[in-house]
PDB file of N, CA and C in Angstrom:
ATOM      1  N   UNK A   1       0.847  -1.207   0.000  1.00  0.00           N
ATOM      2  CA  UNK A   1       0.000   0.000   0.000  1.00  0.00           C
ATOM      3  C   UNK A   1       0.876   1.250   0.000  1.00  0.00           C
ATOM      4  N   UNK A   2       0.432   2.246  -0.744  1.00  0.00           N
ATOM      5  CA  UNK A   2       1.185   3.487  -0.837  1.00  0.00           C
ATOM      6  C   UNK A   2       1.035   4.317   0.420  1.00  0.00           C
ATOM      7  N   UNK A   3       2.065   5.040   0.724  1.00  0.00           N
ATOM      8  CA  UNK A   3       2.002   6.064   1.761  1.00  0.00           C
ATOM      9  C   UNK A   3       1.139   7.193   1.205  1.00  0.00           C
ATOM     10  N   UNK A   4       0.481   7.933   2.101  1.00  0.00           N
ATOM     11  CA  UNK A   4      -0.319   9.070   1.651  1.00  0.00           C
ATOM     12  C   UNK A   4       0.129  10.326   2.380  1.00  0.00           C
ATOM     13  N   UNK A   5       0.002  11.450   1.692  1.00  0.00           N
ATOM     14  CA  UNK A   5       0.332  12.745   2.271  1.00  0.00           C
ATOM     15  C   UNK A   5      -0.845  13.670   2.031  1.00  0.00           C
ATOM     16  N   UNK A   6      -1.362  14.278   3.098  1.00  0.00           N
ATOM     17  CA  UNK A   6      -2.504  15.187   2.983  1.00  0.00           C
ATOM     18  C   UNK A   6      -2.041  16.630   2.835  1.00  0.00           C
ATOM     19  N   UNK A   7      -2.635  17.329   1.856  1.00  0.00           N
ATOM     20  CA  UNK A   7      -2.345  18.755   1.678  1.00  0.00           C
ATOM     21  C   UNK A   7      -3.044  19.611   2.731  1.00  0.00           C
ATOM     22  N   UNK A   8      -3.966  19.006   3.467  1.00  0.00           N
ATOM     23  CA  UNK A   8      -4.677  19.701   4.557  1.00  0.00           C
ATOM     24  C   UNK A   8      -5.232  21.054   4.123  1.00  0.00           C
ATOM     25  N   UNK A   9      -5.916  21.040   2.976  1.00  0.00           N
ATOM     26  CA  UNK A   9      -6.599  22.249   2.516  1.00  0.00           C
ATOM     27  C   UNK A   9      -5.748  23.187   1.678  1.00  0.00           C
ATOM     28  N   UNK A  10      -4.438  22.936   1.597  1.00  0.00           N
ATOM     29  CA  UNK A  10      -3.587  23.777   0.753  1.00  0.00           C
ATOM     30  C   UNK A  10      -3.770  23.348  -0.705  1.00  0.00           C
ATOM     31  N   UNK A  11      -3.619  24.280  -1.655  1.00  0.00           N
ATOM     32  CA  UNK A  11      -3.812  23.905  -3.058  1.00  0.00           C
ATOM     33  C   UNK A  11      -2.691  23.021  -3.614  1.00  0.00           C
ATOM     34  N   UNK A  12      -1.473  23.156  -3.063  1.00  0.00           N
ATOM     35  CA  UNK A  12      -0.327  22.382  -3.563  1.00  0.00           C
ATOM     36  C   UNK A  12       0.804  22.452  -2.544  1.00  0.00           C
ATOM     37  N   UNK A  13       1.837  21.627  -2.790  1.00  0.00           N
ATOM     38  CA  UNK A  13       3.091  21.719  -2.040  1.00  0.00           C
ATOM     39  C   UNK A  13       4.218  21.638  -3.062  1.00  0.00           C
ATOM     40  N   UNK A  14       5.230  22.522  -2.958  1.00  0.00           N
ATOM     41  CA  UNK A  14       6.364  22.415  -3.879  1.00  0.00           C
ATOM     42  C   UNK A  14       7.078  21.070  -3.685  1.00  0.00           C
ATOM     43  N   UNK A  15       7.536  20.489  -4.781  1.00  0.00           N
ATOM     44  CA  UNK A  15       8.132  19.159  -4.754  1.00  0.00           C
ATOM     45  C   UNK A  15       9.267  19.053  -3.740  1.00  0.00           C
ATOM     46  N   UNK A  16      10.191  20.021  -3.728  1.00  0.00           N
ATOM     47  CA  UNK A  16      11.331  19.910  -2.804  1.00  0.00           C
ATOM     48  C   UNK A  16      10.870  19.956  -1.345  1.00  0.00           C
ATOM     49  N   UNK A  17       9.808  20.708  -1.063  1.00  0.00           N
ATOM     50  CA  UNK A  17       9.268  20.750   0.310  1.00  0.00           C
ATOM     51  C   UNK A  17       8.649  19.412   0.698  1.00  0.00           C
ATOM     52  N   UNK A  18       7.961  18.762  -0.239  1.00  0.00           N
ATOM     53  CA  UNK A  18       7.341  17.469   0.040  1.00  0.00           C
ATOM     54  C   UNK A  18       8.400  16.440   0.444  1.00  0.00           C
ATOM     55  N   UNK A  19       9.502  16.393  -0.299  1.00  0.00           N
ATOM     56  CA  UNK A  19      10.570  15.434   0.016  1.00  0.00           C
ATOM     57  C   UNK A  19      11.128  15.687   1.418  1.00  0.00           C
ATOM     58  N   UNK A  20      11.224  16.956   1.783  1.00  0.00           N
ATOM     59  CA  UNK A  20      11.753  17.310   3.106  1.00  0.00           C
ATOM     60  C   UNK A  20      10.748  16.958   4.200  1.00  0.00           C
ATOM     61  N   UNK A  21       9.481  17.312   3.998  1.00  0.00           N
ATOM     62  CA  UNK A  21       8.430  17.055   4.995  1.00  0.00           C
ATOM     63  C   UNK A  21       8.250  15.555   5.244  1.00  0.00           C
ATOM     64  N   UNK A  22       8.363  14.765   4.181  1.00  0.00           N
ATOM     65  CA  UNK A  22       8.214  13.309   4.316  1.00  0.00           C
ATOM     66  C   UNK A  22       9.407  12.673   5.016  1.00  0.00           C
ATOM     67  N   UNK A  23      10.505  13.427   5.135  1.00  0.00           N
ATOM     68  CA  UNK A  23      11.714  12.875   5.741  1.00  0.00           C
ATOM     69  C   UNK A  23      12.541  12.068   4.755  1.00  0.00           C
ATOM     70  N   UNK A  24      12.203  12.152   3.470  1.00  0.00           N
ATOM     71  CA  UNK A  24      12.953  11.429   2.448  1.00  0.00           C
ATOM     72  C   UNK A  24      14.302  12.093   2.201  1.00  0.00           C
ATOM     73  N   UNK A  25      14.394  13.400   2.497  1.00  0.00           N
ATOM     74  CA  UNK A  25      15.647  14.150   2.375  1.00  0.00           C
ATOM     75  C   UNK A  25      15.850  14.929   3.669  1.00  0.00           C
ATOM     76  N   UNK A  26      17.114  15.056   4.081  1.00  0.00           N
ATOM     77  CA  UNK A  26      17.417  15.724   5.347  1.00  0.00           C
ATOM     78  C   UNK A  26      17.162  17.222   5.309  1.00  0.00           C
ATOM     79  N   UNK A  27      17.227  17.822   4.128  1.00  0.00           N
ATOM     80  CA  UNK A  27      17.054  19.270   4.019  1.00  0.00           C
ATOM     81  C   UNK A  27      16.513  19.618   2.641  1.00  0.00           C
ATOM     82  N   UNK A  28      16.085  20.862   2.517  1.00  0.00           N
ATOM     83  CA  UNK A  28      15.618  21.341   1.225  1.00  0.00           C
ATOM     84  C   UNK A  28      16.725  21.326   0.189  1.00  0.00           C
ATOM     85  N   UNK A  29      17.960  21.609   0.631  1.00  0.00           N
ATOM     86  CA  UNK A  29      19.098  21.621  -0.294  1.00  0.00           C
ATOM     87  C   UNK A  29      19.345  20.229  -0.863  1.00  0.00           C
ATOM     88  N   UNK A  30      19.271  19.205  -0.009  1.00  0.00           N
ATOM     89  CA  UNK A  30      19.442  17.825  -0.471  1.00  0.00           C
ATOM     90  C   UNK A  30      18.305  17.455  -1.423  1.00  0.00           C
ATOM     91  N   UNK A  31      17.080  17.862  -1.081  1.00  0.00           N
ATOM     92  CA  UNK A  31      15.925  17.580  -1.940  1.00  0.00           C
ATOM     93  C   UNK A  31      16.128  18.182  -3.325  1.00  0.00           C
ATOM     94  N   UNK A  32      16.619  19.419  -3.381  1.00  0.00           N
ATOM     95  CA  UNK A  32      16.846  20.070  -4.673  1.00  0.00           C
ATOM     96  C   UNK A  32      17.914  19.333  -5.474  1.00  0.00           C
ATOM     97  N   UNK A  33      18.942  18.815  -4.787  1.00  0.00           N
ATOM     98  CA  UNK A  33      20.000  18.079  -5.480  1.00  0.00           C
ATOM     99  C   UNK A  33      19.483  16.788  -6.098  1.00  0.00           C
ATOM    100  N   UNK A  34      18.674  16.026  -5.339  1.00  0.00           N
ATOM    101  CA  UNK A  34      18.183  14.752  -5.901  1.00  0.00           C
ATOM    102  C   UNK A  34      17.202  15.002  -7.046  1.00  0.00           C
ATOM    103  N   UNK A  35      16.458  16.115  -6.980  1.00  0.00           N
ATOM    104  CA  UNK A  35      15.565  16.479  -8.095  1.00  0.00           C
ATOM    105  C   UNK A  35      16.418  16.837  -9.321  1.00  0.00           C
ATOM    106  N   UNK A  36      17.453  17.661  -9.113  1.00  0.00           N
ATOM    107  CA  UNK A  36      18.369  18.025 -10.208  1.00  0.00           C
ATOM    108  C   UNK A  36      18.998  16.794 -10.844  1.00  0.00           C
ATOM    109  N   UNK A  37      19.282  15.787 -10.023  1.00  0.00           N
ATOM    110  CA  UNK A  37      19.932  14.565 -10.506  1.00  0.00           C
ATOM    111  C   UNK A  37      18.962  13.618 -11.224  1.00  0.00           C
ATOM    112  N   UNK A  38      17.667  14.001 -11.292  1.00  0.00           N
ATOM    113  CA  UNK A  38      16.691  13.179 -12.014  1.00  0.00           C
ATOM    114  C   UNK A  38      16.265  11.934 -11.251  1.00  0.00           C
ATOM    115  N   UNK A  39      16.349  11.978  -9.925  1.00  0.00           N
ATOM    116  CA  UNK A  39      16.039  10.806  -9.108  1.00  0.00           C
ATOM    117  C   UNK A  39      14.595  10.770  -8.610  1.00  0.00           C
ATOM    118  N   UNK A  40      13.829  11.827  -8.899  1.00  0.00           N
ATOM    119  CA  UNK A  40      12.453  11.928  -8.396  1.00  0.00           C
ATOM    120  C   UNK A  40      11.475  11.832  -9.562  1.00  0.00           C
ATOM    121  N   UNK A  41      10.419  11.046  -9.359  1.00  0.00           N
ATOM    122  CA  UNK A  41       9.389  10.921 -10.385  1.00  0.00           C
ATOM    123  C   UNK A  41       8.053  11.423  -9.847  1.00  0.00           C
ATOM    124  N   UNK A  42       7.298  12.077 -10.725  1.00  0.00           N
ATOM    125  CA  UNK A  42       5.927  12.493 -10.430  1.00  0.00           C
ATOM    126  C   UNK A  42       5.049  11.806 -11.461  1.00  0.00           C
ATOM    127  N   UNK A  43       4.105  10.993 -10.977  1.00  0.00           N
ATOM    128  CA  UNK A  43       3.227  10.214 -11.864  1.00  0.00           C
ATOM    129  C   UNK A  43       4.030   9.397 -12.874  1.00  0.00           C
ATOM    130  N   UNK A  44       5.153   8.824 -12.414  1.00  0.00           N
ATOM    131  CA  UNK A  44       5.940   7.945 -13.256  1.00  0.00           C
ATOM    132  C   UNK A  44       6.889   8.623 -14.223  1.00  0.00           C
ATOM    133  N   UNK A  45       6.923   9.959 -14.221  1.00  0.00           N
ATOM    134  CA  UNK A  45       7.801  10.711 -15.116  1.00  0.00           C
ATOM    135  C   UNK A  45       8.856  11.443 -14.291  1.00  0.00           C
ATOM    136  N   UNK A  46      10.095  11.453 -14.769  1.00  0.00           N
ATOM    137  CA  UNK A  46      11.153  12.191 -14.069  1.00  0.00           C
ATOM    138  C   UNK A  46      10.791  13.670 -14.051  1.00  0.00           C
ATOM    139  N   UNK A  47      10.892  14.282 -12.868  1.00  0.00           N
ATOM    140  CA  UNK A  47      10.549  15.707 -12.700  1.00  0.00           C
ATOM    141  C   UNK A  47      11.809  16.458 -12.276  1.00  0.00           C
ATOM    142  N   UNK A  48      12.181  17.463 -13.057  1.00  0.00           N
ATOM    143  CA  UNK A  48      13.395  18.226 -12.780  1.00  0.00           C
ATOM    144  C   UNK A  48      13.114  19.611 -12.209  1.00  0.00           C
ATOM    145  N   UNK A  49      11.836  19.973 -12.090  1.00  0.00           N
ATOM    146  CA  UNK A  49      11.496  21.295 -11.538  1.00  0.00           C
ATOM    147  C   UNK A  49      11.395  21.185 -10.018  1.00  0.00           C
ATOM    148  N   UNK A  50      12.296  21.864  -9.315  1.00  0.00           N
ATOM    149  CA  UNK A  50      12.336  21.769  -7.852  1.00  0.00           C
ATOM    150  C   UNK A  50      11.053  22.286  -7.201  1.00  0.00           C
ATOM    151  N   UNK A  51      10.492  23.337  -7.789  1.00  0.00           N
ATOM    152  CA  UNK A  51       9.300  23.951  -7.196  1.00  0.00           C
ATOM    153  C   UNK A  51       8.017  23.498  -7.894  1.00  0.00           C
ATOM    154  N   UNK A  52       8.096  22.391  -8.610  1.00  0.00           N
ATOM    155  CA  UNK A  52       6.922  21.822  -9.270  1.00  0.00           C
ATOM    156  C   UNK A  52       5.794  21.722  -8.246  1.00  0.00           C
ATOM    157  N   UNK A  53       4.616  22.229  -8.611  1.00  0.00           N
ATOM    158  CA  UNK A  53       3.477  22.217  -7.681  1.00  0.00           C
ATOM    159  C   UNK A  53       2.831  20.840  -7.663  1.00  0.00           C
ATOM    160  N   UNK A  54       2.947  20.155  -6.539  1.00  0.00           N
ATOM    161  CA  UNK A  54       2.359  18.832  -6.379  1.00  0.00           C
ATOM    162  C   UNK A  54       0.949  19.006  -5.830  1.00  0.00           C
ATOM    163  N   UNK A  55      -0.031  18.462  -6.561  1.00  0.00           N
ATOM    164  CA  UNK A  55      -1.438  18.655  -6.208  1.00  0.00           C
ATOM    165  C   UNK A  55      -2.098  17.307  -5.899  1.00  0.00           C
ATOM    166  N   UNK A  56      -3.338  17.385  -5.406  1.00  0.00           N
ATOM    167  CA  UNK A  56      -4.110  16.189  -5.060  1.00  0.00           C
ATOM    168  C   UNK A  56      -4.164  15.234  -6.246  1.00  0.00           C
ATOM    169  N   UNK A  57      -3.950  13.954  -5.977  1.00  0.00           N
ATOM    170  CA  UNK A  57      -4.051  12.924  -6.995  1.00  0.00           C
ATOM    171  C   UNK A  57      -2.731  12.539  -7.629  1.00  0.00           C
ATOM    172  N   UNK A  58      -1.685  13.331  -7.379  1.00  0.00           N
ATOM    173  CA  UNK A  58      -0.388  13.001  -7.950  1.00  0.00           C
ATOM    174  C   UNK A  58       0.351  12.005  -7.058  1.00  0.00           C
ATOM    175  N   UNK A  59       1.222  11.233  -7.675  1.00  0.00           N
ATOM    176  CA  UNK A  59       2.051  10.264  -6.962  1.00  0.00           C
ATOM    177  C   UNK A  59       3.506  10.650  -7.161  1.00  0.00           C
ATOM    178  N   UNK A  60       4.252  10.700  -6.061  1.00  0.00           N
ATOM    179  CA  UNK A  60       5.665  11.060  -6.107  1.00  0.00           C
ATOM    180  C   UNK A  60       6.481   9.846  -5.671  1.00  0.00           C
ATOM    181  N   UNK A  61       7.528   9.538  -6.438  1.00  0.00           N
ATOM    182  CA  UNK A  61       8.389   8.388  -6.139  1.00  0.00           C
ATOM    183  C   UNK A  61       9.835   8.847  -6.023  1.00  0.00           C
ATOM    184  N   UNK A  62      10.542   8.257  -5.056  1.00  0.00           N
ATOM    185  CA  UNK A  62      11.960   8.548  -4.869  1.00  0.00           C
ATOM    186  C   UNK A  62      12.593   7.434  -4.051  1.00  0.00           C
ATOM    187  N   UNK A  63      13.710   6.906  -4.539  1.00  0.00           N
ATOM    188  CA  UNK A  63      14.513   5.958  -3.766  1.00  0.00           C
ATOM    189  C   UNK A  63      13.703   4.763  -3.265  1.00  0.00           C
ATOM    190  N   UNK A  64      12.842   4.227  -4.138  1.00  0.00           N
ATOM    191  CA  UNK A  64      12.061   3.056  -3.769  1.00  0.00           C
ATOM    192  C   UNK A  64      10.838   3.335  -2.921  1.00  0.00           C
ATOM    193  N   UNK A  65      10.598   4.607  -2.632  1.00  0.00           N
ATOM    194  CA  UNK A  65       9.434   4.996  -1.837  1.00  0.00           C
ATOM    195  C   UNK A  65       8.438   5.714  -2.741  1.00  0.00           C
ATOM    196  N   UNK A  66       7.157   5.616  -2.366  1.00  0.00           N
ATOM    197  CA  UNK A  66       6.113   6.251  -3.182  1.00  0.00           C
ATOM    198  C   UNK A  66       5.066   6.846  -2.254  1.00  0.00           C
ATOM    199  N   UNK A  67       4.569   8.023  -2.610  1.00  0.00           N
ATOM    200  CA  UNK A  67       3.527   8.658  -1.809  1.00  0.00           C
ATOM    201  C   UNK A  67       2.451   9.193  -2.741  1.00  0.00           C
ATOM    202  N   UNK A  68       1.209   9.042  -2.315  1.00  0.00           N
ATOM    203  CA  UNK A  68       0.067   9.609  -3.055  1.00  0.00           C
ATOM    204  C   UNK A  68      -0.406  10.841  -2.293  1.00  0.00           C
ATOM    205  N   UNK A  69      -0.623  11.933  -3.024  1.00  0.00           N
ATOM    206  CA  UNK A  69      -1.039  13.192  -2.404  1.00  0.00           C
ATOM    207  C   UNK A  69      -2.568  13.238  -2.359  1.00  0.00           C
ATOM    208  N   UNK A  70      -3.093  13.489  -1.157  1.00  0.00           N
ATOM    209  CA  UNK A  70      -4.541  13.559  -0.958  1.00  0.00           C
ATOM    210  C   UNK A  70      -4.921  14.941  -0.442  1.00  0.00           C
ATOM    211  N   UNK A  71      -6.236  15.175  -0.364  1.00  0.00           N
ATOM    212  CA  UNK A  71      -6.722  16.482   0.112  1.00  0.00           C
ATOM    213  C   UNK A  71      -6.338  16.735   1.548  1.00  0.00           C
TER     214      UNK A  71
END
């Protein structure tokens, strides 16, 4: 089963912030580096935009982990 992350009423979360909040990266700087390196996927596609707006219904994958974004 996938992990889920709730936006708690916010319209979106920037991709690098999501990686940090989930604890997948120790800091925003590390999150930006792994995104730059092409290691993060959004809905199965490599995403290189650090501030990509992640919205409800999207799935983010990194380092063998996957999270579905919910409301």
